[in-house]
């Protein structure tokens, strides 16, 4: 019987089969938070759904890409 975390093992195996390097289970939290922001979900809701206790942590996890920023700027025109 293998030791360790079965979720991490399954994730590592899936990444290997897909040819994805350097993407951890923890990286999914960053990915999820970023997509929530880009989908227009407010930070308070993301904070509660993600289990964070502060908006600062949401801001640390969430990032937006340049395409999303350009789209936001274009809305102001």
PDB file of N, CA and C in Angstrom:
ATOM      1  N   UNK A   1       0.843  -1.187   0.000  1.00  0.00           N
ATOM      2  CA  UNK A   1       0.000   0.000   0.000  1.00  0.00           C
ATOM      3  C   UNK A   1       0.883   1.244   0.000  1.00  0.00           C
ATOM      4  N   UNK A   2       0.603   2.170  -0.889  1.00  0.00           N
ATOM      5  CA  UNK A   2       1.395   3.390  -0.979  1.00  0.00           C
ATOM      6  C   UNK A   2       1.029   4.343   0.148  1.00  0.00           C
ATOM      7  N   UNK A   3       2.032   5.062   0.653  1.00  0.00           N
ATOM      8  CA  UNK A   3       1.777   6.078   1.665  1.00  0.00           C
ATOM      9  C   UNK A   3       1.559   7.428   1.012  1.00  0.00           C
ATOM     10  N   UNK A   4       1.328   8.428   1.839  1.00  0.00           N
ATOM     11  CA  UNK A   4       1.160   9.782   1.327  1.00  0.00           C
ATOM     12  C   UNK A   4      -0.289  10.122   1.042  1.00  0.00           C
ATOM     13  N   UNK A   5      -0.462  11.291   0.508  1.00  0.00           N
ATOM     14  CA  UNK A   5      -1.787  11.836   0.242  1.00  0.00           C
ATOM     15  C   UNK A   5      -2.309  11.308  -1.097  1.00  0.00           C
ATOM     16  N   UNK A   6      -3.440  10.594  -1.094  1.00  0.00           N
ATOM     17  CA  UNK A   6      -3.948  10.037  -2.357  1.00  0.00           C
ATOM     18  C   UNK A   6      -4.358  11.106  -3.368  1.00  0.00           C
ATOM     19  N   UNK A   7      -4.842  12.252  -2.893  1.00  0.00           N
ATOM     20  CA  UNK A   7      -5.207  13.340  -3.808  1.00  0.00           C
ATOM     21  C   UNK A   7      -3.965  13.865  -4.520  1.00  0.00           C
ATOM     22  N   UNK A   8      -2.900  14.066  -3.765  1.00  0.00           N
ATOM     23  CA  UNK A   8      -1.655  14.558  -4.377  1.00  0.00           C
ATOM     24  C   UNK A   8      -1.092  13.548  -5.369  1.00  0.00           C
ATOM     25  N   UNK A   9      -1.166  12.259  -5.024  1.00  0.00           N
ATOM     26  CA  UNK A   9      -0.678  11.229  -5.952  1.00  0.00           C
ATOM     27  C   UNK A   9      -1.495  11.223  -7.236  1.00  0.00           C
ATOM     28  N   UNK A  10      -2.819  11.292  -7.113  1.00  0.00           N
ATOM     29  CA  UNK A  10      -3.681  11.296  -8.303  1.00  0.00           C
ATOM     30  C   UNK A  10      -3.431  12.542  -9.142  1.00  0.00           C
ATOM     31  N   UNK A  11      -3.266  13.678  -8.482  1.00  0.00           N
ATOM     32  CA  UNK A  11      -3.002  14.935  -9.186  1.00  0.00           C
ATOM     33  C   UNK A  11      -1.670  14.865  -9.927  1.00  0.00           C
ATOM     34  N   UNK A  12      -0.632  14.376  -9.249  1.00  0.00           N
ATOM     35  CA  UNK A  12       0.691  14.262  -9.876  1.00  0.00           C
ATOM     36  C   UNK A  12       0.638  13.324 -11.078  1.00  0.00           C
ATOM     37  N   UNK A  13      -0.091  12.231 -10.948  1.00  0.00           N
ATOM     38  CA  UNK A  13      -0.223  11.280 -12.048  1.00  0.00           C
ATOM     39  C   UNK A  13      -0.952  11.909 -13.237  1.00  0.00           C
ATOM     40  N   UNK A  14      -2.031  12.639 -12.957  1.00  0.00           N
ATOM     41  CA  UNK A  14      -2.790  13.299 -14.032  1.00  0.00           C
ATOM     42  C   UNK A  14      -1.938  14.353 -14.727  1.00  0.00           C
ATOM     43  N   UNK A  15      -1.191  15.135 -13.946  1.00  0.00           N
ATOM     44  CA  UNK A  15      -0.319  16.161 -14.538  1.00  0.00           C
ATOM     45  C   UNK A  15       0.752  15.521 -15.409  1.00  0.00           C
ATOM     46  N   UNK A  16       1.313  14.419 -14.934  1.00  0.00           N
ATOM     47  CA  UNK A  16       2.343  13.725 -15.709  1.00  0.00           C
ATOM     48  C   UNK A  16       1.773  13.222 -17.033  1.00  0.00           C
ATOM     49  N   UNK A  17       0.595  12.624 -16.995  1.00  0.00           N
ATOM     50  CA  UNK A  17      -0.037  12.124 -18.229  1.00  0.00           C
ATOM     51  C   UNK A  17      -0.363  13.261 -19.192  1.00  0.00           C
ATOM     52  N   UNK A  18      -0.708  14.424 -18.645  1.00  0.00           N
ATOM     53  CA  UNK A  18      -1.063  15.576 -19.485  1.00  0.00           C
ATOM     54  C   UNK A  18       0.157  16.375 -19.923  1.00  0.00           C
ATOM     55  N   UNK A  19       1.320  16.030 -19.397  1.00  0.00           N
ATOM     56  CA  UNK A  19       2.531  16.767 -19.747  1.00  0.00           C
ATOM     57  C   UNK A  19       2.626  18.120 -19.070  1.00  0.00           C
ATOM     58  N   UNK A  20       1.954  18.273 -17.930  1.00  0.00           N
ATOM     59  CA  UNK A  20       1.966  19.533 -17.185  1.00  0.00           C
ATOM     60  C   UNK A  20       2.994  19.423 -16.067  1.00  0.00           C
ATOM     61  N   UNK A  21       3.930  20.350 -16.065  1.00  0.00           N
ATOM     62  CA  UNK A  21       4.974  20.339 -15.036  1.00  0.00           C
ATOM     63  C   UNK A  21       4.757  21.478 -14.045  1.00  0.00           C
ATOM     64  N   UNK A  22       5.198  21.272 -12.834  1.00  0.00           N
ATOM     65  CA  UNK A  22       5.201  22.319 -11.807  1.00  0.00           C
ATOM     66  C   UNK A  22       3.824  22.919 -11.543  1.00  0.00           C
ATOM     67  N   UNK A  23       2.814  22.092 -11.404  1.00  0.00           N
ATOM     68  CA  UNK A  23       1.472  22.559 -11.046  1.00  0.00           C
ATOM     69  C   UNK A  23       0.990  21.692  -9.897  1.00  0.00           C
ATOM     70  N   UNK A  24       0.894  22.286  -8.716  1.00  0.00           N
ATOM     71  CA  UNK A  24       0.551  21.530  -7.517  1.00  0.00           C
ATOM     72  C   UNK A  24      -0.943  21.598  -7.223  1.00  0.00           C
ATOM     73  N   UNK A  25      -1.384  20.766  -6.294  1.00  0.00           N
ATOM     74  CA  UNK A  25      -2.774  20.813  -5.846  1.00  0.00           C
ATOM     75  C   UNK A  25      -3.077  22.213  -5.315  1.00  0.00           C
ATOM     76  N   UNK A  26      -2.130  22.791  -4.602  1.00  0.00           N
ATOM     77  CA  UNK A  26      -2.318  24.130  -4.034  1.00  0.00           C
ATOM     78  C   UNK A  26      -2.499  25.189  -5.128  1.00  0.00           C
ATOM     79  N   UNK A  27      -1.866  24.996  -6.265  1.00  0.00           N
ATOM     80  CA  UNK A  27      -2.007  25.954  -7.372  1.00  0.00           C
ATOM     81  C   UNK A  27      -3.449  26.073  -7.841  1.00  0.00           C
ATOM     82  N   UNK A  28      -4.266  25.039  -7.618  1.00  0.00           N
ATOM     83  CA  UNK A  28      -5.674  25.112  -8.009  1.00  0.00           C
ATOM     84  C   UNK A  28      -6.410  26.217  -7.263  1.00  0.00           C
ATOM     85  N   UNK A  29      -6.000  26.514  -6.013  1.00  0.00           N
ATOM     86  CA  UNK A  29      -6.645  27.603  -5.262  1.00  0.00           C
ATOM     87  C   UNK A  29      -6.387  28.939  -5.951  1.00  0.00           C
ATOM     88  N   UNK A  30      -5.154  29.150  -6.402  1.00  0.00           N
ATOM     89  CA  UNK A  30      -4.825  30.376  -7.139  1.00  0.00           C
ATOM     90  C   UNK A  30      -5.640  30.441  -8.435  1.00  0.00           C
ATOM     91  N   UNK A  31      -5.651  29.345  -9.153  1.00  0.00           N
ATOM     92  CA  UNK A  31      -6.365  29.259 -10.428  1.00  0.00           C
ATOM     93  C   UNK A  31      -7.853  29.553 -10.227  1.00  0.00           C
ATOM     94  N   UNK A  32      -8.451  28.907  -9.236  1.00  0.00           N
ATOM     95  CA  UNK A  32      -9.875  29.083  -8.954  1.00  0.00           C
ATOM     96  C   UNK A  32     -10.190  30.524  -8.567  1.00  0.00           C
ATOM     97  N   UNK A  33      -9.417  31.110  -7.650  1.00  0.00           N
ATOM     98  CA  UNK A  33      -9.664  32.483  -7.199  1.00  0.00           C
ATOM     99  C   UNK A  33      -9.524  33.464  -8.356  1.00  0.00           C
ATOM    100  N   UNK A  34      -8.532  33.271  -9.188  1.00  0.00           N
ATOM    101  CA  UNK A  34      -8.327  34.158 -10.335  1.00  0.00           C
ATOM    102  C   UNK A  34      -9.506  34.093 -11.296  1.00  0.00           C
ATOM    103  N   UNK A  35      -9.988  32.900 -11.577  1.00  0.00           N
ATOM    104  CA  UNK A  35     -11.126  32.765 -12.488  1.00  0.00           C
ATOM    105  C   UNK A  35     -12.402  33.343 -11.888  1.00  0.00           C
ATOM    106  N   UNK A  36     -12.556  33.233 -10.585  1.00  0.00           N
ATOM    107  CA  UNK A  36     -13.724  33.853  -9.934  1.00  0.00           C
ATOM    108  C   UNK A  36     -13.693  35.365 -10.119  1.00  0.00           C
ATOM    109  N   UNK A  37     -12.527  35.977  -9.912  1.00  0.00           N
ATOM    110  CA  UNK A  37     -12.398  37.429 -10.086  1.00  0.00           C
ATOM    111  C   UNK A  37     -12.699  37.807 -11.528  1.00  0.00           C
ATOM    112  N   UNK A  38     -12.132  37.074 -12.474  1.00  0.00           N
ATOM    113  CA  UNK A  38     -12.338  37.394 -13.886  1.00  0.00           C
ATOM    114  C   UNK A  38     -13.782  37.144 -14.328  1.00  0.00           C
ATOM    115  N   UNK A  39     -14.517  36.313 -13.576  1.00  0.00           N
ATOM    116  CA  UNK A  39     -15.930  36.074 -13.878  1.00  0.00           C
ATOM    117  C   UNK A  39     -16.825  37.132 -13.248  1.00  0.00           C
ATOM    118  N   UNK A  40     -16.217  38.047 -12.494  1.00  0.00           N
ATOM    119  CA  UNK A  40     -16.985  39.140 -11.912  1.00  0.00           C
ATOM    120  C   UNK A  40     -17.559  38.856 -10.534  1.00  0.00           C
ATOM    121  N   UNK A  41     -17.120  37.782  -9.901  1.00  0.00           N
ATOM    122  CA  UNK A  41     -17.600  37.470  -8.550  1.00  0.00           C
ATOM    123  C   UNK A  41     -16.909  38.409  -7.564  1.00  0.00           C
ATOM    124  N   UNK A  42     -17.691  38.986  -6.666  1.00  0.00           N
ATOM    125  CA  UNK A  42     -17.111  39.948  -5.723  1.00  0.00           C
ATOM    126  C   UNK A  42     -16.180  39.246  -4.728  1.00  0.00           C
ATOM    127  N   UNK A  43     -15.238  40.025  -4.193  1.00  0.00           N
ATOM    128  CA  UNK A  43     -14.194  39.466  -3.338  1.00  0.00           C
ATOM    129  C   UNK A  43     -14.731  38.875  -2.035  1.00  0.00           C
ATOM    130  N   UNK A  44     -15.773  39.469  -1.476  1.00  0.00           N
ATOM    131  CA  UNK A  44     -16.353  38.933  -0.239  1.00  0.00           C
ATOM    132  C   UNK A  44     -16.892  37.520  -0.482  1.00  0.00           C
ATOM    133  N   UNK A  45     -17.584  37.337  -1.593  1.00  0.00           N
ATOM    134  CA  UNK A  45     -18.128  36.017  -1.920  1.00  0.00           C
ATOM    135  C   UNK A  45     -17.007  35.017  -2.161  1.00  0.00           C
ATOM    136  N   UNK A  46     -15.975  35.426  -2.895  1.00  0.00           N
ATOM    137  CA  UNK A  46     -14.825  34.544  -3.136  1.00  0.00           C
ATOM    138  C   UNK A  46     -14.178  34.174  -1.807  1.00  0.00           C
ATOM    139  N   UNK A  47     -14.028  35.155  -0.919  1.00  0.00           N
ATOM    140  CA  UNK A  47     -13.426  34.915   0.387  1.00  0.00           C
ATOM    141  C   UNK A  47     -14.200  33.838   1.140  1.00  0.00           C
ATOM    142  N   UNK A  48     -15.506  33.974   1.161  1.00  0.00           N
ATOM    143  CA  UNK A  48     -16.334  33.012   1.897  1.00  0.00           C
ATOM    144  C   UNK A  48     -16.326  31.635   1.232  1.00  0.00           C
ATOM    145  N   UNK A  49     -16.422  31.597  -0.097  1.00  0.00           N
ATOM    146  CA  UNK A  49     -16.426  30.307  -0.797  1.00  0.00           C
ATOM    147  C   UNK A  49     -15.080  29.601  -0.650  1.00  0.00           C
ATOM    148  N   UNK A  50     -13.995  30.380  -0.648  1.00  0.00           N
ATOM    149  CA  UNK A  50     -12.662  29.799  -0.566  1.00  0.00           C
ATOM    150  C   UNK A  50     -12.192  29.511   0.846  1.00  0.00           C
ATOM    151  N   UNK A  51     -12.969  29.962   1.831  1.00  0.00           N
ATOM    152  CA  UNK A  51     -12.603  29.688   3.211  1.00  0.00           C
ATOM    153  C   UNK A  51     -11.531  30.596   3.781  1.00  0.00           C
ATOM    154  N   UNK A  52     -11.275  31.723   3.117  1.00  0.00           N
ATOM    155  CA  UNK A  52     -10.291  32.670   3.642  1.00  0.00           C
ATOM    156  C   UNK A  52     -10.945  33.556   4.687  1.00  0.00           C
ATOM    157  N   UNK A  53     -10.152  34.042   5.629  1.00  0.00           N
ATOM    158  CA  UNK A  53     -10.679  34.882   6.701  1.00  0.00           C
ATOM    159  C   UNK A  53     -10.489  36.368   6.432  1.00  0.00           C
ATOM    160  N   UNK A  54      -9.731  36.710   5.385  1.00  0.00           N
ATOM    161  CA  UNK A  54      -9.494  38.123   5.092  1.00  0.00           C
ATOM    162  C   UNK A  54      -9.468  38.363   3.587  1.00  0.00           C
ATOM    163  N   UNK A  55      -9.819  39.584   3.212  1.00  0.00           N
ATOM    164  CA  UNK A  55      -9.743  39.972   1.798  1.00  0.00           C
ATOM    165  C   UNK A  55      -8.301  39.994   1.320  1.00  0.00           C
ATOM    166  N   UNK A  56      -7.392  40.267   2.231  1.00  0.00           N
ATOM    167  CA  UNK A  56      -5.973  40.293   1.863  1.00  0.00           C
ATOM    168  C   UNK A  56      -5.531  38.941   1.287  1.00  0.00           C
ATOM    169  N   UNK A  57      -6.024  37.860   1.867  1.00  0.00           N
ATOM    170  CA  UNK A  57      -5.657  36.536   1.352  1.00  0.00           C
ATOM    171  C   UNK A  57      -6.265  36.289  -0.025  1.00  0.00           C
ATOM    172  N   UNK A  58      -7.483  36.756  -0.236  1.00  0.00           N
ATOM    173  CA  UNK A  58      -8.100  36.620  -1.563  1.00  0.00           C
ATOM    174  C   UNK A  58      -7.249  37.367  -2.580  1.00  0.00           C
ATOM    175  N   UNK A  59      -6.840  38.569  -2.229  1.00  0.00           N
ATOM    176  CA  UNK A  59      -6.019  39.367  -3.139  1.00  0.00           C
ATOM    177  C   UNK A  59      -4.678  38.696  -3.399  1.00  0.00           C
ATOM    178  N   UNK A  60      -4.168  37.990  -2.419  1.00  0.00           N
ATOM    179  CA  UNK A  60      -2.892  37.294  -2.594  1.00  0.00           C
ATOM    180  C   UNK A  60      -3.040  36.117  -3.562  1.00  0.00           C
ATOM    181  N   UNK A  61      -4.167  35.432  -3.488  1.00  0.00           N
ATOM    182  CA  UNK A  61      -4.391  34.260  -4.330  1.00  0.00           C
ATOM    183  C   UNK A  61      -4.866  34.613  -5.732  1.00  0.00           C
ATOM    184  N   UNK A  62      -5.683  35.636  -5.845  1.00  0.00           N
ATOM    185  CA  UNK A  62      -6.305  35.956  -7.127  1.00  0.00           C
ATOM    186  C   UNK A  62      -5.413  36.869  -7.956  1.00  0.00           C
ATOM    187  N   UNK A  63      -5.345  36.584  -9.228  1.00  0.00           N
ATOM    188  CA  UNK A  63      -4.609  37.427 -10.165  1.00  0.00           C
ATOM    189  C   UNK A  63      -5.435  37.529 -11.438  1.00  0.00           C
ATOM    190  N   UNK A  64      -5.290  38.632 -12.133  1.00  0.00           N
ATOM    191  CA  UNK A  64      -5.988  38.772 -13.407  1.00  0.00           C
ATOM    192  C   UNK A  64      -4.959  38.913 -14.514  1.00  0.00           C
ATOM    193  N   UNK A  65      -5.288  38.388 -15.669  1.00  0.00           N
ATOM    194  CA  UNK A  65      -4.358  38.482 -16.788  1.00  0.00           C
ATOM    195  C   UNK A  65      -4.559  39.803 -17.526  1.00  0.00           C
ATOM    196  N   UNK A  66      -3.638  40.105 -18.424  1.00  0.00           N
ATOM    197  CA  UNK A  66      -3.684  41.388 -19.133  1.00  0.00           C
ATOM    198  C   UNK A  66      -4.915  41.500 -20.027  1.00  0.00           C
ATOM    199  N   UNK A  67      -5.384  40.395 -20.590  1.00  0.00           N
ATOM    200  CA  UNK A  67      -6.591  40.437 -21.416  1.00  0.00           C
ATOM    201  C   UNK A  67      -7.777  40.914 -20.592  1.00  0.00           C
ATOM    202  N   UNK A  68      -7.901  40.394 -19.389  1.00  0.00           N
ATOM    203  CA  UNK A  68      -8.994  40.804 -18.505  1.00  0.00           C
ATOM    204  C   UNK A  68      -8.880  42.286 -18.154  1.00  0.00           C
ATOM    205  N   UNK A  69      -7.669  42.756 -17.899  1.00  0.00           N
ATOM    206  CA  UNK A  69      -7.477  44.178 -17.581  1.00  0.00           C
ATOM    207  C   UNK A  69      -7.847  45.061 -18.769  1.00  0.00           C
ATOM    208  N   UNK A  70      -7.461  44.655 -19.976  1.00  0.00           N
ATOM    209  CA  UNK A  70      -7.815  45.429 -21.176  1.00  0.00           C
ATOM    210  C   UNK A  70      -9.329  45.475 -21.367  1.00  0.00           C
ATOM    211  N   UNK A  71     -10.001  44.366 -21.120  1.00  0.00           N
ATOM    212  CA  UNK A  71     -11.461  44.339 -21.237  1.00  0.00           C
ATOM    213  C   UNK A  71     -12.100  45.277 -20.217  1.00  0.00           C
ATOM    214  N   UNK A  72     -11.550  45.318 -19.015  1.00  0.00           N
ATOM    215  CA  UNK A  72     -12.078  46.219 -17.982  1.00  0.00           C
ATOM    216  C   UNK A  72     -11.878  47.676 -18.384  1.00  0.00           C
ATOM    217  N   UNK A  73     -10.717  47.992 -18.941  1.00  0.00           N
ATOM    218  CA  UNK A  73     -10.436  49.361 -19.389  1.00  0.00           C
ATOM    219  C   UNK A  73     -11.388  49.749 -20.513  1.00  0.00           C
ATOM    220  N   UNK A  74     -11.630  48.823 -21.441  1.00  0.00           N
ATOM    221  CA  UNK A  74     -12.526  49.114 -22.563  1.00  0.00           C
ATOM    222  C   UNK A  74     -13.957  49.381 -22.117  1.00  0.00           C
ATOM    223  N   UNK A  75     -14.368  48.837 -20.989  1.00  0.00           N
ATOM    224  CA  UNK A  75     -15.703  49.114 -20.465  1.00  0.00           C
ATOM    225  C   UNK A  75     -15.848  50.574 -20.052  1.00  0.00           C
ATOM    226  N   UNK A  76     -14.739  51.223 -19.754  1.00  0.00           N
ATOM    227  CA  UNK A  76     -14.771  52.621 -19.326  1.00  0.00           C
ATOM    228  C   UNK A  76     -14.864  53.583 -20.497  1.00  0.00           C
ATOM    229  N   UNK A  77     -14.623  53.107 -21.673  1.00  0.00           N
ATOM    230  CA  UNK A  77     -14.628  53.980 -22.854  1.00  0.00           C
ATOM    231  C   UNK A  77     -16.014  54.287 -23.299  1.00  0.00           C
TER     232      UNK A  77
END
